[in-house]
Amino acid sequence: MKLGDRCSSVCKHRTYSRDNMPPSKSKNVMSDEERKLMIEKLNADLEDFVAERSIAARNKKATDPADNRTIDEIAEELKNHPAFMTDIDWSKPLPPEIEGLMQLKYETENPTARADSYRDEGNEQFKLKKYKIAIANYTEGIKSRCPDAELNAILYANRAAAQFYLGNYRSSFNDCIFARKFKPDHLKAIIRGANCCYKMSKYGDAVRWCDAALMVDPENAEILDLRVQSDKGKRAQERDERRQAALDRKEEAEDRKLLQTVLDRGIKVASMKVSKDVKIDPLLLTALESHNPTGAKVHLDDQGVLHWPVIFFYPEYTETDFITDFNENYSFIDHLAHMFGPEVEPPTWDIEHKYKPENIEIYFEHKDEEKLYQVSLESTLLQTLKHKKYLVYAGTPGFILVVKGSKFKEEFMKRYKY
């Protein structure tokens, strides 16, 4: 058997890529002398293997047990020899003979032959649906930088196909572009690129790539059907974009109206300073966004009334109440009667049942001054928000509630100016 035949036997079916091959003992290309010695060693090894089997057969005695091995079992034993191995465990160090066979195939000074070899290996893995390994081989072929433009186009187009089957449509599309740079009329690359665009919902691009494919093959049924579907998708997409644009304009107008209403009320919002002479920017609405998980935020109803999310703090018990919709024209006593009235079950944390509308005092804090300002229970939310010292934070007005005359209130008030 010739060495060339033996190399083909080993390399034809191997599951191999440069990315998953264990590092070679020597990363340098073999010299002619080293390659010659390796060839002689491999030939001698194969001859010894065959000779051992021949001697064993001649010396077999009649009294020896019969060899009942099947053809499949004998073939399995042969597979363990480097010259006939078809599957390799890449998690273990490779025998020197296997490394030599690989180097003979891949460490060639001819970049075209190297690239072509990787292409063949990638195609074999592609047929087995081992797309990641196929991609690794095509990539190595591309790295070979062979001067053959058509071979490069094939490598990129084949890698695009493998990426496509893995669902990597963006990577596949990029490879289609490179394939066309080497061969502009590469039909498979153009069709693959059109399909990638369609899968990524880039219907306008899909139509253009379909048109390019039809210039090469005007009667291609696959591309004709894809163009029809892409054109439908493009029209639907344009219709949705027009609808969304109209909706965005409507929302922007509503946002401007809301911001203008807040400013006209004289309500001051943290992180939102607007001059009366400056045009309202809807982006300022972020200063009115509530951070509460409910998503409640200030809004304007059909009658032009503002509704705010409001939070009540009870520092004595480190508890809070979140009111999702506080009409700006409602007074605080209205909410307190609803929350702590005689017919309402007291909260579990109010063990002494002392939080009653007539016992509660409300304050707001001016953070910069570290000062508390008392709020009249009869005042509306709007009257309070218009207070010259009040500032809305995170789009949510907040107020502190304590029980008047309580020991806690006395200690609590010492922390602030009042």
Protein backbone atom coordinates (compact mmCIF):
# COMPACT_ATOMS: atom_id res chain seq x y z
CA MET A 1 0.00 0.00 0.00
CA LYS A 2 1.33 3.44 -0.87
CA LEU A 3 1.53 6.24 1.63
CA GLY A 4 -0.76 8.42 -0.48
CA ASP A 5 -3.49 5.78 -0.26
CA ARG A 6 -3.03 5.48 3.46
CA CYS A 7 -3.28 9.27 3.98
CA SER A 8 -6.52 9.35 2.05
CA SER A 9 -7.89 6.54 4.19
CA VAL A 10 -7.22 8.46 7.39
CA CYS A 11 -8.17 11.96 6.38
CA LYS A 12 -11.24 11.40 4.27
CA HIS A 13 -13.71 10.76 7.08
CA ARG A 14 -12.12 12.43 10.06
CA THR A 15 -14.08 14.83 12.24
CA TYR A 16 -11.56 17.64 12.37
CA SER A 17 -11.20 21.36 12.52
CA ARG A 18 -8.31 23.57 13.51
CA ASP A 19 -10.41 25.03 16.32
CA ASN A 20 -10.91 21.72 18.11
CA MET A 21 -7.62 19.97 17.29
CA PRO A 22 -5.30 19.57 20.29
CA PRO A 23 -2.16 21.64 19.90
CA SER A 24 0.57 19.94 17.93
CA LYS A 25 3.89 19.24 19.57
CA SER A 26 5.47 21.40 16.95
CA LYS A 27 3.64 24.36 15.42
CA ASN A 28 6.26 24.80 12.70
CA VAL A 29 5.79 23.41 9.22
CA MET A 30 7.71 20.15 8.80
CA SER A 31 10.96 20.37 6.93
CA ASP A 32 11.56 18.15 3.90
CA GLU A 33 13.88 15.93 5.94
CA GLU A 34 11.34 15.58 8.76
CA ARG A 35 8.56 14.82 6.31
CA LYS A 36 10.73 12.17 4.63
CA LEU A 37 11.48 10.50 7.95
CA MET A 38 7.81 10.61 8.91
CA ILE A 39 6.83 8.97 5.60
CA GLU A 40 9.44 6.24 6.09
CA LYS A 41 8.22 5.63 9.63
CA LEU A 42 4.58 5.41 8.56
CA ASN A 43 5.40 3.01 5.70
CA ALA A 44 7.52 0.83 7.99
CA ASP A 45 4.83 0.81 10.61
CA LEU A 46 2.19 -0.27 8.10
CA GLU A 47 4.47 -3.00 6.70
CA ASP A 48 5.15 -4.30 10.22
CA PHE A 49 1.41 -4.35 10.92
CA VAL A 50 0.70 -6.46 7.81
CA ALA A 51 3.75 -8.69 8.43
CA GLU A 52 2.66 -9.45 11.99
CA ARG A 53 -0.73 -10.59 10.75
CA SER A 54 0.93 -12.82 8.05
CA ILE A 55 3.39 -14.48 10.48
CA ALA A 56 0.61 -15.09 12.98
CA ALA A 57 -1.43 -16.81 10.28
CA ARG A 58 1.50 -19.05 9.13
CA ASN A 59 2.47 -20.06 12.66
CA LYS A 60 -1.05 -20.88 13.70
CA LYS A 61 -1.18 -24.44 15.04
CA ALA A 62 -3.98 -26.82 14.40
CA THR A 63 -4.60 -27.07 18.13
CA ASP A 64 -5.16 -23.30 18.42
CA PRO A 65 -8.74 -22.29 18.94
CA ALA A 66 -10.52 -21.33 15.78
CA ASP A 67 -10.68 -17.66 14.91
CA ASN A 68 -14.40 -17.04 15.10
CA ARG A 69 -14.17 -13.31 14.59
CA THR A 70 -16.58 -11.84 12.10
CA ILE A 71 -15.55 -9.59 9.23
CA ASP A 72 -16.97 -6.62 11.16
CA GLU A 73 -14.87 -7.47 14.24
CA ILE A 74 -11.71 -7.72 12.14
CA ALA A 75 -12.54 -4.43 10.47
CA GLU A 76 -13.05 -2.86 13.88
CA GLU A 77 -9.56 -4.00 14.94
CA LEU A 78 -8.07 -2.53 11.80
CA LYS A 79 -9.68 0.82 12.60
CA ASN A 80 -7.44 1.09 15.65
CA HIS A 81 -4.43 1.40 13.44
CA PRO A 82 -3.57 5.05 12.52
CA ALA A 83 -3.66 4.21 8.82
CA PHE A 84 -7.31 3.13 8.99
CA MET A 85 -8.77 5.25 11.78
CA THR A 86 -11.93 7.15 10.83
CA ASP A 87 -12.92 8.60 14.22
CA ILE A 88 -10.53 10.42 16.54
CA ASP A 89 -11.03 11.41 20.17
CA TRP A 90 -9.86 15.04 20.13
CA SER A 91 -10.01 15.28 23.93
CA LYS A 92 -6.90 13.07 24.16
CA PRO A 93 -3.34 13.67 22.87
CA LEU A 94 -2.92 12.51 19.30
CA PRO A 95 -0.43 9.78 18.37
CA PRO A 96 2.56 11.15 16.41
CA GLU A 97 1.48 9.12 13.38
CA ILE A 98 -1.93 10.85 13.28
CA GLU A 99 -0.33 14.29 13.64
CA GLY A 100 2.00 13.42 10.81
CA LEU A 101 -0.85 12.38 8.54
CA MET A 102 -2.65 15.62 9.27
CA GLN A 103 0.40 17.69 8.61
CA LEU A 104 0.93 15.89 5.33
CA LYS A 105 -2.54 16.91 4.27
CA TYR A 106 -2.80 20.42 5.71
CA GLU A 107 0.69 21.81 6.16
CA THR A 108 1.23 22.38 2.51
CA GLU A 109 2.92 25.38 1.00
CA ASN A 110 0.24 25.47 -1.69
CA PRO A 111 -2.57 27.70 -0.25
CA THR A 112 -5.01 26.65 -2.97
CA ALA A 113 -4.54 22.96 -2.21
CA ARG A 114 -4.85 23.70 1.50
CA ALA A 115 -8.06 25.69 1.02
CA ASP A 116 -9.48 23.02 -1.27
CA SER A 117 -8.74 20.33 1.30
CA TYR A 118 -10.55 22.26 4.01
CA ARG A 119 -13.47 22.81 1.67
CA ASP A 120 -13.77 19.07 1.03
CA GLU A 121 -13.63 18.36 4.76
CA GLY A 122 -16.23 21.04 5.45
CA ASN A 123 -18.51 19.57 2.80
CA GLU A 124 -18.26 16.13 4.39
CA GLN A 125 -19.22 17.55 7.80
CA PHE A 126 -22.02 19.59 6.24
CA LYS A 127 -23.54 16.42 4.76
CA LEU A 128 -23.46 14.92 8.26
CA LYS A 129 -25.24 18.07 9.54
CA LYS A 130 -22.25 18.85 11.77
CA TYR A 131 -22.53 22.50 10.86
CA LYS A 132 -20.23 23.92 13.53
CA ILE A 133 -17.38 21.65 12.47
CA ALA A 134 -18.11 22.46 8.84
CA ILE A 135 -17.89 26.17 9.65
CA ALA A 136 -14.53 25.63 11.37
CA ASN A 137 -13.16 23.92 8.26
CA TYR A 138 -14.48 26.53 5.86
CA THR A 139 -12.95 29.20 8.09
CA GLU A 140 -9.55 27.52 7.94
CA GLY A 141 -9.88 27.35 4.18
CA ILE A 142 -10.61 31.08 4.05
CA LYS A 143 -7.59 31.75 6.27
CA SER A 144 -5.42 29.99 3.72
CA ARG A 145 -5.65 33.13 1.54
CA CYS A 146 -5.59 31.21 -1.67
CA PRO A 147 -5.44 33.27 -4.90
CA ASP A 148 -8.37 31.41 -6.47
CA ALA A 149 -11.29 33.87 -6.37
CA GLU A 150 -13.91 31.24 -7.21
CA LEU A 151 -12.67 28.89 -4.48
CA ASN A 152 -12.85 31.73 -1.97
CA ALA A 153 -16.39 32.50 -3.12
CA ILE A 154 -17.33 28.85 -2.61
CA LEU A 155 -15.81 28.77 0.88
CA TYR A 156 -17.76 31.87 1.94
CA ALA A 157 -20.97 30.62 0.30
CA ASN A 158 -20.63 27.21 1.97
CA ARG A 159 -19.95 28.77 5.35
CA ALA A 160 -23.01 30.99 4.81
CA ALA A 161 -25.09 27.86 4.25
CA ALA A 162 -23.84 26.26 7.48
CA GLN A 163 -24.48 29.45 9.43
CA PHE A 164 -27.96 29.65 7.92
CA TYR A 165 -28.88 26.16 9.13
CA LEU A 166 -27.73 27.14 12.64
CA GLY A 167 -30.03 30.16 12.53
CA ASN A 168 -27.13 32.64 12.45
CA TYR A 169 -28.73 34.74 9.72
CA ARG A 170 -26.62 37.86 10.25
CA SER A 171 -23.35 35.92 10.00
CA SER A 172 -24.69 34.00 7.03
CA PHE A 173 -25.65 37.21 5.26
CA ASN A 174 -22.20 38.72 5.85
CA ASP A 175 -20.61 35.64 4.28
CA CYS A 176 -22.91 36.00 1.27
CA ILE A 177 -21.61 39.53 0.81
CA PHE A 178 -17.99 38.33 0.86
CA ALA A 179 -18.80 35.51 -1.53
CA ARG A 180 -20.19 38.04 -4.01
CA LYS A 181 -17.08 40.20 -3.65
CA PHE A 182 -15.08 37.29 -5.03
CA LYS A 183 -17.75 36.26 -7.54
CA PRO A 184 -20.55 38.82 -8.02
CA ASP A 185 -22.77 36.40 -9.94
CA HIS A 186 -22.48 33.52 -7.46
CA LEU A 187 -26.12 32.45 -7.61
CA LYS A 188 -26.17 30.31 -4.46
CA ALA A 189 -24.69 33.16 -2.43
CA ILE A 190 -27.24 35.63 -3.82
CA ILE A 191 -30.18 33.30 -3.11
CA ARG A 192 -28.84 32.59 0.37
CA GLY A 193 -28.45 36.31 1.01
CA ALA A 194 -32.05 36.93 -0.08
CA ASN A 195 -33.27 34.23 2.31
CA CYS A 196 -31.22 35.71 5.14
CA CYS A 197 -32.79 39.13 4.57
CA TYR A 198 -36.25 37.55 4.59
CA LYS A 199 -35.54 35.66 7.81
CA MET A 200 -34.33 38.90 9.45
CA SER A 201 -37.52 40.68 8.27
CA LYS A 202 -35.45 43.00 6.07
CA TYR A 203 -37.95 42.68 3.26
CA GLY A 204 -36.73 45.65 1.21
CA ASP A 205 -33.22 44.19 1.11
CA ALA A 206 -34.67 40.76 0.31
CA VAL A 207 -36.42 42.20 -2.75
CA ARG A 208 -33.17 43.78 -3.98
CA TRP A 209 -31.23 40.52 -3.55
CA CYS A 210 -34.01 38.63 -5.32
CA ASP A 211 -33.74 41.05 -8.24
CA ALA A 212 -29.99 40.45 -8.36
CA ALA A 213 -30.58 36.68 -8.46
CA LEU A 214 -33.15 37.04 -11.25
CA MET A 215 -30.57 38.86 -13.34
CA VAL A 216 -28.50 35.68 -13.22
CA ASP A 217 -31.39 33.20 -13.48
CA PRO A 218 -34.66 34.89 -14.57
CA GLU A 219 -36.68 31.64 -14.42
CA ASN A 220 -35.60 30.51 -10.96
CA ALA A 221 -38.86 29.39 -9.31
CA GLU A 222 -37.48 29.55 -5.76
CA ILE A 223 -36.34 33.14 -6.08
CA LEU A 224 -39.51 34.21 -7.92
CA ASP A 225 -41.63 32.91 -5.03
CA LEU A 226 -39.32 34.47 -2.45
CA ARG A 227 -39.58 37.82 -4.20
CA VAL A 228 -43.38 37.71 -4.05
CA GLN A 229 -43.28 36.92 -0.33
CA SER A 230 -40.63 39.59 0.30
CA ASP A 231 -42.67 42.20 -1.54
CA LYS A 232 -45.73 41.36 0.58
CA GLY A 233 -43.64 41.62 3.72
CA LYS A 234 -42.21 44.94 2.58
CA ARG A 235 -45.67 46.40 1.94
CA ALA A 236 -46.96 45.18 5.31
CA GLN A 237 -43.87 46.53 7.05
CA GLU A 238 -44.28 49.95 5.40
CA ARG A 239 -47.95 50.00 6.42
CA ASP A 240 -47.05 49.15 10.04
CA GLU A 241 -44.36 51.83 10.04
CA ARG A 242 -46.87 54.44 8.85
CA ARG A 243 -49.30 53.40 11.57
CA GLN A 244 -46.56 53.48 14.21
CA ALA A 245 -45.39 56.90 13.01
CA ALA A 246 -48.96 58.24 13.33
CA LEU A 247 -49.24 56.71 16.80
CA ASP A 248 -45.90 58.19 17.80
CA ARG A 249 -47.01 61.63 16.63
CA LYS A 250 -50.22 61.31 18.64
CA GLU A 251 -48.33 60.19 21.76
CA GLU A 252 -45.81 62.99 21.31
CA ALA A 253 -48.64 65.53 21.10
CA GLU A 254 -50.18 64.08 24.28
CA ASP A 255 -46.81 64.19 26.03
CA ARG A 256 -46.32 67.82 25.07
CA LYS A 257 -49.81 68.64 26.34
CA LEU A 258 -49.13 66.86 29.65
CA LEU A 259 -45.82 68.65 30.18
CA GLN A 260 -47.34 71.98 29.30
CA THR A 261 -50.19 71.38 31.77
CA VAL A 262 -47.75 70.56 34.58
CA LEU A 263 -45.78 73.74 33.86
CA ASP A 264 -48.91 75.84 33.57
CA ARG A 265 -50.01 74.57 37.01
CA GLY A 266 -46.78 75.96 38.45
CA ILE A 267 -45.69 72.51 39.67
CA LYS A 268 -41.94 72.07 40.05
CA VAL A 269 -40.42 68.72 39.06
CA ALA A 270 -36.92 67.59 39.96
CA SER A 271 -34.56 67.30 36.95
CA MET A 272 -36.96 69.26 34.77
CA LYS A 273 -36.11 72.92 34.31
CA VAL A 274 -37.79 74.55 31.35
CA SER A 275 -37.85 78.18 30.35
CA LYS A 276 -41.20 79.55 29.20
CA ASP A 277 -39.54 80.67 25.97
CA VAL A 278 -38.16 77.20 25.16
CA LYS A 279 -40.12 74.66 23.12
CA ILE A 280 -41.31 71.66 25.17
CA ASP A 281 -39.29 68.49 24.52
CA PRO A 282 -41.21 65.24 25.18
CA LEU A 283 -37.97 63.71 26.46
CA LEU A 284 -38.53 65.80 29.58
CA LEU A 285 -41.36 63.40 30.38
CA THR A 286 -38.76 60.99 31.81
CA ALA A 287 -38.62 63.27 34.87
CA LEU A 288 -42.27 62.37 35.47
CA GLU A 289 -41.81 58.61 35.14
CA SER A 290 -42.75 56.72 38.29
CA HIS A 291 -40.36 54.04 39.54
CA ASN A 292 -43.16 52.04 41.13
CA PRO A 293 -43.58 48.46 39.81
CA THR A 294 -47.26 49.15 39.04
CA GLY A 295 -46.18 51.48 36.23
CA ALA A 296 -48.61 54.16 37.42
CA LYS A 297 -47.67 57.66 36.30
CA VAL A 298 -49.16 61.12 36.06
CA HIS A 299 -51.69 61.48 33.28
CA LEU A 300 -54.21 63.96 31.95
CA ASP A 301 -57.85 62.93 31.59
CA ASP A 302 -60.36 64.10 28.98
CA GLN A 303 -61.44 66.98 31.22
CA GLY A 304 -57.90 68.30 31.52
CA VAL A 305 -57.47 67.09 35.12
CA LEU A 306 -54.13 65.69 36.31
CA HIS A 307 -54.03 62.34 38.12
CA TRP A 308 -50.87 61.59 40.11
CA PRO A 309 -49.39 58.50 41.74
CA VAL A 310 -48.79 59.45 45.38
CA ILE A 311 -46.90 57.71 48.18
CA PHE A 312 -47.64 58.07 51.91
CA PHE A 313 -44.78 57.35 54.35
CA TYR A 314 -45.37 56.13 57.93
CA PRO A 315 -41.90 56.45 59.49
CA GLU A 316 -43.09 55.23 62.89
CA TYR A 317 -43.59 51.77 61.42
CA THR A 318 -41.42 52.08 58.29
CA GLU A 319 -44.50 51.39 56.17
CA THR A 320 -45.86 53.00 53.01
CA ASP A 321 -49.08 53.26 51.02
CA PHE A 322 -49.02 53.79 47.28
CA ILE A 323 -52.01 55.55 45.73
CA THR A 324 -52.00 54.89 41.99
CA ASP A 325 -54.52 57.62 41.09
CA PHE A 326 -54.81 60.80 43.19
CA ASN A 327 -57.04 63.36 41.47
CA GLU A 328 -55.37 66.77 41.78
CA ASN A 329 -58.69 68.32 42.88
CA TYR A 330 -59.25 65.87 45.75
CA SER A 331 -58.25 66.84 49.29
CA PHE A 332 -56.08 64.77 51.60
CA ILE A 333 -58.95 64.27 54.04
CA ASP A 334 -60.90 62.58 51.24
CA HIS A 335 -58.24 59.88 50.96
CA LEU A 336 -57.65 59.59 54.69
CA ALA A 337 -61.37 59.00 55.28
CA HIS A 338 -61.29 56.25 52.70
CA MET A 339 -58.13 54.68 54.13
CA PHE A 340 -58.60 55.13 57.91
CA GLY A 341 -62.33 55.83 58.36
CA PRO A 342 -64.41 54.16 61.10
CA GLU A 343 -65.80 51.56 58.68
CA VAL A 344 -62.37 50.57 57.38
CA GLU A 345 -60.31 47.74 58.85
CA PRO A 346 -57.11 49.31 60.27
CA PRO A 347 -53.80 48.19 58.75
CA THR A 348 -52.10 45.26 60.48
CA TRP A 349 -49.14 47.41 61.53
CA ASP A 350 -51.41 49.93 63.38
CA ILE A 351 -51.63 47.78 66.48
CA GLU A 352 -52.94 50.59 68.70
CA HIS A 353 -55.47 51.75 66.06
CA LYS A 354 -54.33 55.32 66.47
CA TYR A 355 -54.13 56.22 62.80
CA LYS A 356 -57.50 57.90 62.33
CA PRO A 357 -58.30 60.89 60.06
CA GLU A 358 -58.70 63.26 62.97
CA ASN A 359 -55.36 62.15 64.54
CA ILE A 360 -53.16 62.30 61.46
CA GLU A 361 -50.83 65.15 60.49
CA ILE A 362 -49.24 65.37 57.04
CA TYR A 363 -45.88 66.91 56.11
CA PHE A 364 -43.63 67.13 53.12
CA GLU A 365 -39.86 67.35 53.22
CA HIS A 366 -37.68 69.91 51.50
CA LYS A 367 -34.56 67.82 51.06
CA ASP A 368 -32.11 70.64 50.40
CA GLU A 369 -33.20 72.57 53.48
CA GLU A 370 -33.76 69.46 55.63
CA LYS A 371 -36.98 71.09 56.64
CA LEU A 372 -40.58 69.86 57.04
CA TYR A 373 -43.66 71.78 55.89
CA GLN A 374 -47.09 70.87 57.23
CA VAL A 375 -49.96 70.21 54.83
CA SER A 376 -53.56 71.11 55.62
CA LEU A 377 -55.82 68.08 55.47
CA GLU A 378 -58.42 70.20 53.72
CA SER A 379 -56.07 71.32 50.95
CA THR A 380 -56.17 69.63 47.57
CA LEU A 381 -53.26 67.82 46.04
CA LEU A 382 -52.92 70.58 43.44
CA GLN A 383 -52.76 73.31 46.11
CA THR A 384 -49.99 71.41 47.86
CA LEU A 385 -47.99 70.70 44.70
CA LYS A 386 -48.10 74.42 43.84
CA HIS A 387 -46.42 75.26 47.17
CA LYS A 388 -43.28 77.25 46.41
CA LYS A 389 -41.17 74.78 48.39
CA TYR A 390 -42.62 71.58 47.00
CA LEU A 391 -40.62 69.56 44.48
CA VAL A 392 -41.87 66.36 42.80
CA TYR A 393 -39.26 63.57 42.68
CA ALA A 394 -39.41 60.56 40.30
CA GLY A 395 -42.84 61.65 39.10
CA THR A 396 -44.39 60.66 42.44
CA PRO A 397 -45.39 63.21 45.13
CA GLY A 398 -44.56 61.89 48.59
CA PHE A 399 -45.88 62.85 52.04
CA ILE A 400 -45.04 61.91 55.63
CA LEU A 401 -47.89 60.92 57.97
CA VAL A 402 -47.56 60.92 61.77
CA VAL A 403 -49.98 60.86 64.71
CA LYS A 404 -50.26 64.27 66.36
CA GLY A 405 -49.33 64.40 70.01
CA SER A 406 -47.56 61.04 69.86
CA LYS A 407 -44.17 60.48 71.44
CA PHE A 408 -42.82 59.32 68.08
CA LYS A 409 -43.84 62.59 66.42
CA GLU A 410 -42.05 64.55 69.11
CA GLU A 411 -38.81 62.63 68.56
CA PHE A 412 -39.19 62.59 64.80
CA MET A 413 -39.63 66.35 64.50
CA LYS A 414 -36.30 66.93 66.27
CA ARG A 415 -34.52 65.65 63.15
CA TYR A 416 -35.80 68.50 61.04
CA LYS A 417 -36.28 72.22 61.00
CA TYR A 418 -39.95 73.05 61.20
